[in-house]
Every structure is written in structure tokens, then in C-alpha cells.
Protein backbone atom coordinates (compact mmCIF):
# COMPACT_ATOMS: atom_id res chain seq x y z
CA MET A 1 -21.79 3.20 -22.80
CA ALA A 2 -18.43 3.39 -21.80
CA ASP A 3 -16.86 6.27 -20.57
CA SER A 4 -14.68 8.66 -22.22
CA ARG A 5 -12.74 10.69 -19.33
CA PRO A 6 -9.14 9.76 -18.87
CA TYR A 7 -8.56 7.74 -15.86
CA LYS A 8 -6.05 9.94 -13.80
CA LEU A 9 -5.69 7.52 -11.06
CA PRO A 10 -2.13 5.04 -10.78
CA LEU A 11 -2.30 2.15 -12.20
CA PRO A 12 -1.14 -1.91 -11.02
CA ARG A 13 2.19 -2.23 -12.83
CA ALA A 14 1.08 -4.38 -15.77
CA ARG A 15 4.28 -7.21 -16.13
CA GLY A 16 3.79 -10.95 -17.21
CA ARG A 17 1.05 -12.88 -16.43
CA ALA A 18 -0.35 -9.79 -14.85
CA ALA A 19 0.33 -8.01 -17.93
CA GLU A 20 -2.90 -11.04 -19.53
CA PHE A 21 -5.06 -10.80 -16.19
CA TYR A 22 -5.06 -6.52 -16.55
CA THR A 23 -5.70 -6.95 -20.60
CA PHE A 24 -9.07 -8.19 -19.68
CA CYS A 25 -9.83 -5.80 -17.09
CA LYS A 26 -9.76 -3.98 -19.86
CA GLN A 27 -11.74 -5.38 -21.96
CA HIS A 28 -14.27 -5.34 -19.03
CA GLU A 29 -13.87 -9.28 -18.64
CA LEU A 30 -12.83 -11.03 -15.05
CA ARG A 31 -11.06 -13.73 -16.27
CA PHE A 32 -8.72 -16.43 -14.06
CA GLN A 33 -6.21 -18.84 -14.38
CA ARG A 34 -7.54 -22.24 -14.13
CA CYS A 35 -5.31 -25.12 -14.58
CA SER A 36 -6.29 -27.52 -17.35
CA ASP A 37 -4.84 -30.43 -14.71
CA CYS A 38 -7.00 -30.33 -11.64
CA GLY A 39 -9.69 -27.62 -11.55
CA THR A 40 -8.19 -24.87 -9.11
CA TRP A 41 -8.62 -21.39 -10.25
CA ARG A 42 -6.20 -18.69 -9.16
CA HIS A 43 -5.13 -15.45 -8.73
CA ILE A 44 -2.35 -13.57 -8.49
CA PRO A 45 -1.77 -15.11 -12.10
CA ARG A 46 1.39 -17.39 -12.15
CA ASP A 47 2.87 -20.22 -13.72
CA MET A 48 2.41 -23.10 -11.40
CA CYS A 49 -0.72 -24.29 -9.96
CA ALA A 50 -0.02 -24.63 -6.86
CA ALA A 51 -2.75 -27.46 -5.86
CA CYS A 52 -0.94 -29.75 -8.43
CA GLY A 53 2.45 -28.27 -9.62
CA SER A 54 1.07 -28.43 -13.19
CA PHE A 55 2.47 -25.99 -16.07
CA LYS A 56 -1.23 -26.55 -17.96
CA TRP A 57 -3.89 -23.89 -17.18
CA GLU A 58 -6.41 -21.32 -19.10
CA TRP A 59 -7.76 -18.14 -18.81
CA GLN A 60 -11.18 -18.88 -17.83
CA ARG A 61 -14.34 -16.04 -17.18
CA SER A 62 -15.23 -15.72 -13.95
CA SER A 63 -19.57 -15.31 -12.89
CA GLY A 64 -18.72 -12.80 -10.80
CA LYS A 65 -20.22 -13.34 -7.70
CA GLY A 66 -18.78 -13.75 -4.40
CA LYS A 67 -19.25 -12.88 -0.61
CA LEU A 68 -17.56 -10.63 0.88
CA PHE A 69 -14.45 -11.64 2.79
CA SER A 70 -13.62 -8.77 4.54
CA TRP A 71 -13.50 -4.60 4.12
CA THR A 72 -11.98 -1.40 5.94
CA THR A 73 -12.70 2.25 5.34
CA ALA A 74 -9.71 4.13 4.41
CA SER A 75 -9.81 7.26 5.88
CA GLN A 76 -6.57 8.98 4.97
CA PRO A 77 -5.13 8.50 1.33
CA MET A 78 -1.86 6.06 1.14
CA MET A 79 -1.14 8.53 -2.76
CA PRO A 80 -2.49 12.20 -3.13
CA GLN A 81 -4.03 11.08 -6.22
CA PHE A 82 -6.71 9.87 -3.83
CA ALA A 83 -6.94 12.21 -1.48
CA ASP A 84 -10.48 13.52 -3.69
CA SER A 85 -11.69 9.79 -2.44
CA VAL A 86 -11.33 10.42 1.29
CA PRO A 87 -13.26 8.12 2.62
CA TYR A 88 -13.30 5.22 0.73
CA SER A 89 -13.56 0.91 1.48
CA PRO A 90 -11.81 -1.34 -0.31
CA ALA A 91 -13.64 -4.31 -0.03
CA ILE A 92 -11.62 -8.16 -0.44
CA VAL A 93 -14.29 -10.38 -1.93
CA GLU A 94 -13.70 -14.25 -2.40
CA LEU A 95 -15.28 -15.26 -5.67
CA GLU A 96 -17.09 -18.53 -6.42
CA GLU A 97 -14.24 -19.65 -8.46
CA GLY A 98 -12.72 -19.66 -4.88
CA VAL A 99 -10.05 -16.70 -5.12
CA ARG A 100 -10.25 -13.57 -3.46
CA ILE A 101 -9.90 -9.87 -4.95
CA VAL A 102 -9.79 -6.53 -4.21
CA THR A 103 -12.17 -3.91 -4.79
CA HIS A 104 -12.38 -0.45 -4.49
CA GLY A 105 -15.12 0.54 -2.43
């Protein structure tokens, strides 16, 4: 069941390819770009594959499974809107697809 309360924390700017990524997130789908030529997954979204230089790609759904790569504990808020959340532990997760993503723990 979706939470109907308004979200009050700041969100990243959704511009360009990142806007497409955040649109999927808003739909509760974790999707990343995948090169149609070599199969390399990528995040942060961009037009060209860093592995083979191809401009052919598509959005594909992630398994959502991964391993903890790194983490820290924030004891001071970076922005005033997060003051009620400290301490919190943001983490970097390396997903099965090979991309890394920051989570809010």
C-alpha cells in the first residue's frame, strides 16, 4: 500500500536521463541503462557506453539484489531537513548487475 503522506525531504534534480531514472523510481521500479551492444549495465544514466562507446541502450529492471560495498554513519545533518533523522547510515550497495547505488539506511 502506497503512503499517502506528502514527502517533505529534498529530492535530487530530475533532469535529462536522470529524470527517466527517477520516473521509474517513483513507480517503485529500480531500472538501469544496459548497453544493447555489449550488455554493460551503467549508472549514473548517460548516452554513451563507457565500455564499448555504443549509443544503443535500453532501460532494464534490476534484480534489486546486491552486497554492501561501504557505509558510514552521519551524526550531523548535511541539510536542515534531515535534522530529525540523525544519526542515519547511508550505504553504497553493489547490485548484481555491477552498478553501485547509494541507499538511505
